[in-house]
Protein backbone atom coordinates (compact mmCIF):
# COMPACT_ATOMS: atom_id res chain seq x y z
CA UNK A 1 218.32 110.13 53.94
CA UNK A 2 214.51 109.96 53.80
CA UNK A 3 212.71 106.90 52.24
CA UNK A 4 212.34 108.30 48.58
CA UNK A 5 216.33 108.95 48.11
CA UNK A 6 217.06 105.35 49.58
CA UNK A 7 214.76 104.09 47.11
CA UNK A 8 216.11 106.34 44.66
CA UNK A 9 219.66 104.65 45.37
CA UNK A 10 218.48 101.20 45.47
CA UNK A 11 216.94 101.37 42.12
CA UNK A 12 218.99 103.18 39.80
CA UNK A 13 222.40 102.72 41.51
CA UNK A 14 221.61 98.85 42.02
CA UNK A 15 220.27 98.58 38.35
CA UNK A 16 223.71 99.78 37.14
CA UNK A 17 225.88 97.70 39.48
CA UNK A 18 223.27 94.63 38.86
CA UNK A 19 224.39 94.18 35.37
CA UNK A 20 228.42 93.81 36.54
CA UNK A 21 227.56 91.67 39.29
CA UNK A 22 225.38 89.02 37.63
CA UNK A 23 228.13 88.71 35.16
CA UNK A 24 230.89 88.32 37.67
CA UNK A 25 229.25 86.11 40.29
CA UNK A 26 227.40 83.92 37.67
CA UNK A 27 231.27 83.77 35.97
CA UNK A 28 232.88 82.75 38.97
CA UNK A 29 230.20 80.13 40.15
CA UNK A 30 230.97 78.21 36.74
CA UNK A 31 234.65 78.71 37.63
CA UNK A 32 235.07 78.01 41.08
CA UNK A 33 232.31 75.43 41.30
CA UNK A 34 231.89 75.78 45.43
CA UNK A 35 229.76 73.09 47.15
CA UNK A 36 226.88 75.34 48.32
CA UNK A 37 225.25 72.37 50.36
CA UNK A 38 223.78 73.19 53.81
CA UNK A 39 225.03 69.96 55.28
CA UNK A 40 227.71 71.55 57.51
CA UNK A 41 227.02 74.12 59.85
CA UNK A 42 228.35 77.89 59.01
CA UNK A 43 230.46 79.58 62.28
CA UNK A 44 228.65 82.91 61.02
CA UNK A 45 225.32 83.73 60.11
CA UNK A 46 224.35 87.60 59.01
CA UNK A 47 220.97 88.67 58.50
CA UNK A 48 220.24 91.72 56.53
CA UNK A 49 217.52 93.66 57.12
CA UNK A 50 218.14 97.24 56.78
CA UNK A 51 214.60 98.74 57.20
CA UNK A 52 211.86 97.93 59.26
CA UNK A 53 211.63 97.10 63.10
CA UNK A 54 208.51 95.40 62.79
CA UNK A 55 209.78 92.98 60.05
CA UNK A 56 212.33 91.98 62.73
CA UNK A 57 209.66 91.43 65.18
CA UNK A 58 207.82 89.14 62.71
CA UNK A 59 210.89 87.17 61.81
CA UNK A 60 211.94 86.54 65.35
CA UNK A 61 210.46 83.19 65.93
CA UNK A 62 212.25 82.02 62.50
CA UNK A 63 215.61 83.80 63.72
CA UNK A 64 215.29 82.30 67.26
CA UNK A 65 214.62 78.93 65.56
CA UNK A 66 217.59 79.32 63.33
CA UNK A 67 219.78 79.89 66.64
CA UNK A 68 218.71 76.44 68.23
CA UNK A 69 219.20 75.17 65.24
CA UNK A 70 222.51 76.49 65.16
CA UNK A 71 223.68 76.79 68.49
CA UNK A 72 227.33 77.12 67.89
CA UNK A 73 227.13 79.69 65.09
CA UNK A 74 227.45 83.52 65.89
CA UNK A 75 224.21 85.74 64.51
CA UNK A 76 224.89 89.25 63.53
CA UNK A 77 222.25 91.44 61.99
CA UNK A 78 223.01 94.51 59.81
CA UNK A 79 220.58 96.92 59.73
CA UNK A 80 219.67 100.84 60.29
CA UNK A 81 220.52 102.49 63.08
CA UNK A 82 216.07 102.58 64.22
CA UNK A 83 216.34 99.04 63.62
CA UNK A 84 219.19 98.48 65.84
CA UNK A 85 218.21 100.37 69.08
CA UNK A 86 214.95 98.34 68.79
CA UNK A 87 216.42 95.22 68.45
CA UNK A 88 219.35 95.34 70.94
CA UNK A 89 217.76 94.95 74.67
CA UNK A 90 215.70 91.64 73.08
CA UNK A 91 219.05 90.04 72.93
CA UNK A 92 218.30 88.35 69.83
CA UNK A 93 221.50 88.65 67.94
CA UNK A 94 225.14 88.07 69.39
CA UNK A 95 226.26 91.36 67.18
CA UNK A 96 224.42 94.18 65.22
CA UNK A 97 225.97 96.24 63.09
CA UNK A 98 224.58 99.45 61.73
CA UNK A 99 224.59 101.25 58.03
CA UNK A 100 224.58 104.95 58.89
CA UNK A 101 222.33 106.33 56.43
CA UNK A 102 222.40 109.75 57.65
CA UNK A 103 224.14 110.91 54.42
CA UNK A 104 225.67 109.13 51.25
CA UNK A 105 228.97 109.29 52.42
CA UNK A 106 228.62 108.16 55.87
CA UNK A 107 226.39 104.92 53.92
CA UNK A 108 229.40 104.28 51.89
CA UNK A 109 231.63 104.09 54.88
CA UNK A 110 229.49 102.10 56.91
CA UNK A 111 229.41 99.85 54.33
CA UNK A 112 232.97 99.12 53.61
CA UNK A 113 233.53 98.83 57.43
CA UNK A 114 231.13 95.72 57.29
CA UNK A 115 232.05 94.65 54.05
CA UNK A 116 236.21 94.31 55.33
CA UNK A 117 234.28 92.72 58.89
CA UNK A 118 232.40 90.29 56.81
CA UNK A 119 235.68 88.97 54.67
CA UNK A 120 237.42 87.86 57.69
CA UNK A 121 234.34 86.13 59.19
CA UNK A 122 234.56 81.87 58.65
CA UNK A 123 232.48 79.94 57.35
CA UNK A 124 229.61 82.46 56.85
CA UNK A 125 226.11 82.34 55.29
CA UNK A 126 223.98 85.43 54.97
CA UNK A 127 220.12 85.82 55.01
CA UNK A 128 219.18 88.83 53.20
CA UNK A 129 215.21 89.71 54.75
CA UNK A 130 214.78 92.59 52.42
CA UNK A 131 212.32 91.38 49.95
CA UNK A 132 212.73 93.83 46.99
CA UNK A 133 216.12 95.52 47.39
CA UNK A 134 218.66 95.28 44.57
CA UNK A 135 221.60 96.47 46.76
CA UNK A 136 220.95 94.03 49.81
CA UNK A 137 221.39 91.38 47.46
CA UNK A 138 224.39 92.96 45.86
CA UNK A 139 225.90 92.91 49.29
CA UNK A 140 225.00 89.79 50.58
CA UNK A 141 227.31 88.73 47.07
CA UNK A 142 230.21 91.05 48.07
CA UNK A 143 230.59 89.16 51.45
CA UNK A 144 231.60 85.78 49.08
CA UNK A 145 229.59 83.84 51.92
CA UNK A 146 229.36 79.94 50.91
CA UNK A 147 225.49 80.14 51.31
CA UNK A 148 223.13 83.31 50.52
CA UNK A 149 219.65 82.90 51.31
CA UNK A 150 216.91 85.39 50.16
CA UNK A 151 213.23 85.95 48.77
CA UNK A 152 212.58 85.51 45.22
CA UNK A 153 209.56 87.15 43.11
CA UNK A 154 208.67 88.42 40.19
CA UNK A 155 209.96 91.56 40.51
CA UNK A 156 213.53 90.22 41.64
CA UNK A 157 214.13 87.43 39.74
CA UNK A 158 217.76 88.30 39.46
CA UNK A 159 218.46 87.16 42.95
CA UNK A 160 218.11 83.49 41.29
CA UNK A 161 221.54 84.41 39.78
CA UNK A 162 223.17 86.22 42.98
CA UNK A 163 221.62 84.35 45.71
CA UNK A 164 222.81 80.44 46.34
CA UNK A 165 219.32 79.48 48.00
CA UNK A 166 216.07 81.68 47.25
CA UNK A 167 212.40 81.27 48.71
CA UNK A 168 209.61 81.81 46.69
CA UNK A 169 208.28 85.29 48.88
CA UNK A 170 204.32 84.62 48.82
CA UNK A 171 202.35 87.76 48.94
CA UNK A 172 199.24 86.24 50.01
CA UNK A 173 200.29 84.40 53.02
CA UNK A 174 201.09 85.95 56.45
CA UNK A 175 205.06 87.72 56.38
CA UNK A 176 205.88 85.10 59.36
CA UNK A 177 205.05 82.02 57.14
CA UNK A 178 207.56 83.40 54.38
CA UNK A 179 210.50 83.83 57.10
CA UNK A 180 209.47 80.54 58.29
CA UNK A 181 209.88 78.74 54.77
CA UNK A 182 213.04 80.53 54.53
CA UNK A 183 214.33 79.33 57.58
CA UNK A 184 213.15 75.43 56.38
CA UNK A 185 215.58 76.58 53.11
CA UNK A 186 218.59 76.46 55.55
CA UNK A 187 217.71 73.09 57.37
CA UNK A 188 215.55 74.00 60.11
CA UNK A 189 213.18 71.59 61.13
CA UNK A 190 212.04 72.63 64.43
CA UNK A 191 210.26 76.35 65.44
CA UNK A 192 209.48 77.81 68.63
CA UNK A 193 208.28 81.42 69.36
CA UNK A 194 210.83 83.93 70.66
CA UNK A 195 209.64 85.26 73.93
CA UNK A 196 210.38 88.89 75.14
CA UNK A 197 212.67 88.50 78.39
CA UNK A 198 210.57 88.46 81.77
CA UNK A 199 211.82 91.64 82.89
CA UNK A 200 209.77 93.81 80.59
CA UNK A 201 206.50 91.90 82.05
CA UNK A 202 204.71 91.59 85.42
CA UNK A 203 202.16 89.29 86.77
CA UNK A 204 200.65 91.81 88.99
CA UNK A 205 201.44 94.97 87.14
CA UNK A 206 199.02 98.17 87.04
CA UNK A 207 198.09 98.35 83.62
CA UNK A 208 196.02 101.27 83.30
CA UNK A 209 196.95 102.66 80.41
CA UNK A 210 195.55 102.34 76.73
CA UNK A 211 198.60 102.57 74.30
CA UNK A 212 197.55 104.15 71.13
CA UNK A 213 199.71 104.24 68.03
CA UNK A 214 198.72 106.33 64.96
CA UNK A 215 202.72 106.58 63.53
CA UNK A 216 204.76 104.49 61.21
CA UNK A 217 207.81 105.60 59.19
CA UNK A 218 207.93 102.98 56.58
CA UNK A 219 206.78 102.47 53.24
CA UNK A 220 203.26 104.07 52.69
CA UNK A 221 203.25 105.09 56.12
CA UNK A 222 200.88 108.10 55.84
CA UNK A 223 198.68 105.82 54.18
CA UNK A 224 197.88 103.56 57.07
CA UNK A 225 197.15 106.21 59.81
CA UNK A 226 193.86 107.15 61.05
CA UNK A 227 192.45 110.16 60.00
CA UNK A 228 193.13 113.18 63.32
CA UNK A 229 189.27 113.50 63.46
CA UNK A 230 188.94 109.73 64.04
CA UNK A 231 191.84 109.49 66.54
CA UNK A 232 190.33 112.32 68.61
CA UNK A 233 187.33 110.76 68.90
CA UNK A 234 188.57 107.62 69.92
CA UNK A 235 190.56 109.00 72.57
CA UNK A 236 187.61 111.62 73.95
CA UNK A 237 185.63 108.17 74.41
CA UNK A 238 188.47 106.59 76.24
CA UNK A 239 188.74 109.42 78.49
CA UNK A 240 185.19 109.90 79.52
CA UNK A 241 183.78 106.24 79.19
CA UNK A 242 186.61 104.50 80.79
CA UNK A 243 188.93 105.14 83.70
CA UNK A 244 192.09 104.46 81.43
CA UNK A 245 194.87 106.99 80.75
CA UNK A 246 196.09 107.35 77.13
CA UNK A 247 200.04 106.85 75.79
CA UNK A 248 200.44 108.47 72.81
CA UNK A 249 203.80 106.34 71.14
CA UNK A 250 206.03 106.87 68.01
CA UNK A 251 209.50 107.66 67.41
CA UNK A 252 211.58 110.63 67.97
CA UNK A 253 210.45 112.40 64.58
CA UNK A 254 206.63 111.91 66.18
CA UNK A 255 206.87 113.71 69.35
CA UNK A 256 206.38 117.65 68.31
CA UNK A 257 203.50 116.20 65.73
CA UNK A 258 201.57 114.31 68.40
CA UNK A 259 202.27 117.36 71.24
CA UNK A 260 200.34 119.70 68.67
CA UNK A 261 197.71 117.26 68.06
CA UNK A 262 196.80 117.17 72.02
CA UNK A 263 197.11 120.60 71.95
CA UNK A 264 194.93 121.65 68.86
CA UNK A 265 192.00 118.76 69.78
CA UNK A 266 192.04 120.07 73.82
CA UNK A 267 192.78 116.76 74.98
CA UNK A 268 192.87 116.44 78.85
CA UNK A 269 196.87 116.48 79.32
CA UNK A 270 196.11 114.45 82.83
CA UNK A 271 194.61 111.64 80.89
CA UNK A 272 196.40 111.85 77.96
CA UNK A 273 200.54 111.57 77.73
CA UNK A 274 202.63 111.79 75.06
CA UNK A 275 205.47 109.49 75.49
CA UNK A 276 206.64 109.35 71.71
CA UNK A 277 210.70 109.31 71.69
CA UNK A 278 210.86 109.82 75.46
CA UNK A 279 211.86 106.47 76.54
CA UNK A 280 214.79 104.09 75.56
CA UNK A 281 213.52 100.94 73.75
CA UNK A 282 214.37 99.00 77.12
CA UNK A 283 211.66 101.39 79.15
CA UNK A 284 209.29 101.60 76.43
CA UNK A 285 209.14 97.56 76.19
CA UNK A 286 208.78 97.70 80.10
CA UNK A 287 205.76 100.42 79.68
CA UNK A 288 204.21 98.66 77.25
CA UNK A 289 204.56 95.09 79.27
CA UNK A 290 203.54 96.65 82.70
CA UNK A 291 201.34 99.72 82.20
CA UNK A 292 199.42 98.68 78.71
CA UNK A 293 196.17 97.26 79.43
CA UNK A 294 195.47 97.53 75.62
CA UNK A 295 196.89 99.10 72.24
CA UNK A 296 195.15 100.05 69.59
CA UNK A 297 197.39 100.70 66.54
CA UNK A 298 197.77 100.79 62.85
CA UNK A 299 199.92 98.45 60.92
CA UNK A 300 203.60 99.29 62.39
CA UNK A 301 205.97 98.09 64.62
CA UNK A 302 204.58 98.74 68.30
CA UNK A 303 201.36 96.61 67.18
CA UNK A 304 203.66 93.57 66.50
CA UNK A 305 205.82 94.55 69.91
CA UNK A 306 202.46 94.49 71.90
CA UNK A 307 201.46 91.14 69.98
CA UNK A 308 204.56 89.87 71.31
CA UNK A 309 204.09 91.29 74.93
CA UNK A 310 200.94 89.27 74.40
CA UNK A 311 199.10 92.41 74.94
CA UNK A 312 194.94 92.65 73.82
CA UNK A 313 195.52 94.73 70.51
CA UNK A 314 192.91 96.61 68.03
CA UNK A 315 194.44 96.95 64.86
CA UNK A 316 193.48 99.06 61.73
CA UNK A 317 193.91 98.23 58.28
CA UNK A 318 193.74 99.44 54.88
CA UNK A 319 196.75 99.77 52.60
CA UNK A 320 197.95 96.19 53.93
CA UNK A 321 195.26 93.30 54.56
CA UNK A 322 195.72 92.10 58.61
CA UNK A 323 195.79 88.49 56.98
CA UNK A 324 199.34 89.33 55.40
CA UNK A 325 200.38 90.57 58.87
CA UNK A 326 199.11 88.81 62.04
CA UNK A 327 197.36 85.64 63.04
CA UNK A 328 194.80 86.52 65.25
CA UNK A 329 192.35 88.98 63.03
CA UNK A 330 189.36 88.43 65.69
CA UNK A 331 189.71 92.42 66.93
CA UNK A 332 191.27 93.99 63.28
CA UNK A 333 188.97 96.70 61.53
CA UNK A 334 189.45 96.06 57.55
CA UNK A 335 187.08 97.82 55.20
CA UNK A 336 188.13 95.52 52.80
CA UNK A 337 187.95 98.20 50.06
CA UNK A 338 188.05 97.27 46.06
CA UNK A 339 191.37 98.64 46.11
CA UNK A 340 192.40 97.52 49.49
CA UNK A 341 195.62 96.08 49.90
CA UNK A 342 197.82 98.28 47.47
CA UNK A 343 200.97 98.73 49.13
CA UNK A 344 203.42 96.47 47.84
CA UNK A 345 201.10 95.64 44.84
CA UNK A 346 201.50 98.93 42.84
CA UNK A 347 203.26 101.67 42.34
CA UNK A 348 200.06 103.73 41.88
CA UNK A 349 198.29 104.27 44.62
CA UNK A 350 194.59 103.60 43.42
CA UNK A 351 192.97 106.28 45.51
CA UNK A 352 195.69 108.71 44.72
CA UNK A 353 196.75 109.17 48.39
CA UNK A 354 192.92 109.90 49.99
CA UNK A 355 193.05 106.64 51.75
CA UNK A 356 189.49 106.12 52.09
CA UNK A 357 190.19 102.35 53.69
CA UNK A 358 191.27 104.46 57.00
CA UNK A 359 189.15 107.34 56.57
CA UNK A 360 185.70 105.88 56.39
CA UNK A 361 186.26 103.80 59.24
CA UNK A 362 183.32 104.05 61.80
CA UNK A 363 184.07 105.34 65.47
CA UNK A 364 181.25 103.54 66.70
CA UNK A 365 182.49 100.02 65.75
CA UNK A 366 186.08 101.16 66.92
CA UNK A 367 184.07 102.08 70.38
CA UNK A 368 182.70 98.65 70.39
CA UNK A 369 185.47 96.79 69.97
CA UNK A 370 186.89 98.32 73.02
CA UNK A 371 184.06 97.32 75.06
CA UNK A 372 183.92 93.57 73.61
CA UNK A 373 187.88 93.27 74.16
CA UNK A 374 187.44 94.87 77.74
CA UNK A 375 185.24 92.32 78.79
CA UNK A 376 187.84 89.69 78.13
CA UNK A 377 190.56 91.87 79.31
CA UNK A 378 188.82 92.31 82.50
CA UNK A 379 188.79 88.52 82.80
CA UNK A 380 192.49 88.04 81.34
CA UNK A 381 193.74 90.53 84.22
CA UNK A 382 191.78 89.62 87.08
């Protein structure tokens, strides 16, 4: 199913179910008067994040800290297939359960299968990392977990009656700070960074690729992209002014488009490689960690993966502000247009889809950023 259909189901089917569930959950809560304290550690924690591999990467420090705080607890991730493939190699969860969203029938079937399993989990807590979803909140309630944690903001006030513990989702601070606050509501006090396994990095590797990511499959992905005309100039600068090769990355769905981009713009195929959809995630992480000298990326999962791998990055921002996503904004390019940021703040995009926040970027400035970061980069890897 495409994103619009998923959103339609979540909003309209979710609203129908919402009224019934508000009545049932609130009524049962008053009747049963369960103890929702966090004094006793759970045996199981289910983390829900159906969409957004990058979001899980940004939440990884908070999740890792939860695991340290609850050392005897089994952690399960409930997610979509795309997220599962990216998270599995990182060994962040004990188990991953997929919601198959290929079509409505498969989604209902896989959801029912999860529900049966969840109802057998002893001393269960549920952590819903989706910010806006109605259905994941209802799904969390249906598990009958003793404690159900989630985010609350104006658009999701209904969660005050379905979750047992809500954390205010502050849209004006970095997302990882919100994840940390949610973990604190579970009793977590000590936080440590989640580090990718050493197998994905090598100290003396030959890092001879610039990794370029201009793909994004999530909400507003097309608005986040650099125009092809800008990307061509960046690629030509790299192949003519540096000794590095280029690897264009993306999902399997992006493979054909990237092939067309290389062919139509007559890029040097000896220097420019399309790896989108051609590597397993194990191979992909290893490629970034051992071959990547520099990542150039829009706001998308590869950017956050590169940051975790401690790669130098140059990132491009428009519909979303970098201060909402990353801690180090030294090598970011953000025009700070009057209409930016817009995604997540309005349903009607101010520019009508003509994303000047990305299209008006100056390639010469990007070239200078590359020159500046390479000076540091060469010292770092000397």
